[in-house]
C-alpha atoms as a PDB file:
ATOM      1  CA  MET A   1       0.000   0.000   0.000  1.00  0.00           C
ATOM      2  CA  LYS A   2       2.889   2.367   0.785  1.00  0.00           C
ATOM      3  CA  TYR A   3       4.369   1.699  -2.660  1.00  0.00           C
ATOM      4  CA  TYR A   4       1.003   2.313  -4.316  1.00  0.00           C
ATOM      5  CA  LYS A   5       0.711   5.693  -2.567  1.00  0.00           C
ATOM      6  CA  ALA A   6       4.253   6.588  -3.642  1.00  0.00           C
ATOM      7  CA  VAL A   7       3.365   5.820  -7.269  1.00  0.00           C
ATOM      8  CA  LEU A   8       0.186   7.907  -7.009  1.00  0.00           C
ATOM      9  CA  ASN A   9       2.183  10.790  -5.534  1.00  0.00           C
ATOM     10  CA  LYS A  10       4.654  10.549  -8.413  1.00  0.00           C
ATOM     11  CA  ILE A  11       1.824  10.746 -10.945  1.00  0.00           C
ATOM     12  CA  ALA A  12       0.223  13.662  -9.103  1.00  0.00           C
ATOM     13  CA  SER A  13       3.502  15.602  -9.111  1.00  0.00           C
ATOM     14  CA  HIS A  14       4.137  14.773 -12.809  1.00  0.00           C
ATOM     15  CA  ASN A  15       7.777  13.730 -12.287  1.00  0.00           C
ATOM     16  CA  TYR A  16       7.429  10.024 -13.003  1.00  0.00           C
ATOM     17  CA  THR A  17       9.749   8.281 -15.464  1.00  0.00           C
ATOM     18  CA  PRO A  18       8.508   6.269 -18.469  1.00  0.00           C
ATOM     19  CA  ARG A  19       9.460   3.123 -16.546  1.00  0.00           C
ATOM     20  CA  ASP A  20       7.033   4.083 -13.769  1.00  0.00           C
ATOM     21  CA  GLY A  21       4.323   4.616 -16.387  1.00  0.00           C
ATOM     22  CA  LEU A  22       5.016   1.192 -17.868  1.00  0.00           C
ATOM     23  CA  LEU A  23       4.928  -0.386 -14.417  1.00  0.00           C
ATOM     24  CA  LEU A  24       1.599   1.304 -13.727  1.00  0.00           C
ATOM     25  CA  LEU A  25       0.220   0.027 -17.041  1.00  0.00           C
ATOM     26  CA  ILE A  26       1.287  -3.513 -16.122  1.00  0.00           C
ATOM     27  CA  VAL A  27      -0.324  -3.214 -12.664  1.00  0.00           C
ATOM     28  CA  ILE A  28      -3.577  -1.841 -14.130  1.00  0.00           C
ATOM     29  CA  SER A  29      -3.716  -4.548 -16.807  1.00  0.00           C
ATOM     30  CA  LEU A  30      -3.018  -7.249 -14.212  1.00  0.00           C
ATOM     31  CA  LEU A  31      -5.803  -5.893 -12.005  1.00  0.00           C
ATOM     32  CA  PHE A  32      -8.156  -5.709 -14.977  1.00  0.00           C
ATOM     33  CA  PHE A  33      -7.397  -9.225 -16.224  1.00  0.00           C
ATOM     34  CA  GLY A  34      -7.498 -10.562 -12.670  1.00  0.00           C
ATOM     35  CA  THR A  35     -10.955  -9.072 -12.159  1.00  0.00           C
ATOM     36  CA  ALA A  36     -12.189 -10.244 -15.566  1.00  0.00           C
ATOM     37  CA  PHE A  37     -10.825 -13.744 -14.907  1.00  0.00           C
ATOM     38  CA  GLY A  38     -12.512 -13.764 -11.481  1.00  0.00           C
ATOM     39  CA  ILE A  39     -15.859 -12.795 -13.002  1.00  0.00           C
ATOM     40  CA  ILE A  40     -15.523 -15.406 -15.773  1.00  0.00           C
ATOM     41  CA  SER A  41     -14.621 -18.140 -13.270  1.00  0.00           C
ATOM     42  CA  LEU A  42     -17.649 -17.175 -11.171  1.00  0.00           C
ATOM     43  CA  LEU A  43     -19.934 -17.404 -14.205  1.00  0.00           C
ATOM     44  CA  TRP A  44     -18.704 -20.864 -15.207  1.00  0.00           C
END
């Protein structure tokens, strides 16, 4: 949670590096696919 807040603070202050942006994209996509997979497994 601390790390997540640090990332959010970086985005808010607009001084994040492209690597941070890529990492955030990976985290968001993992969360999205994880949620989608959870919903699909519930429906089966």
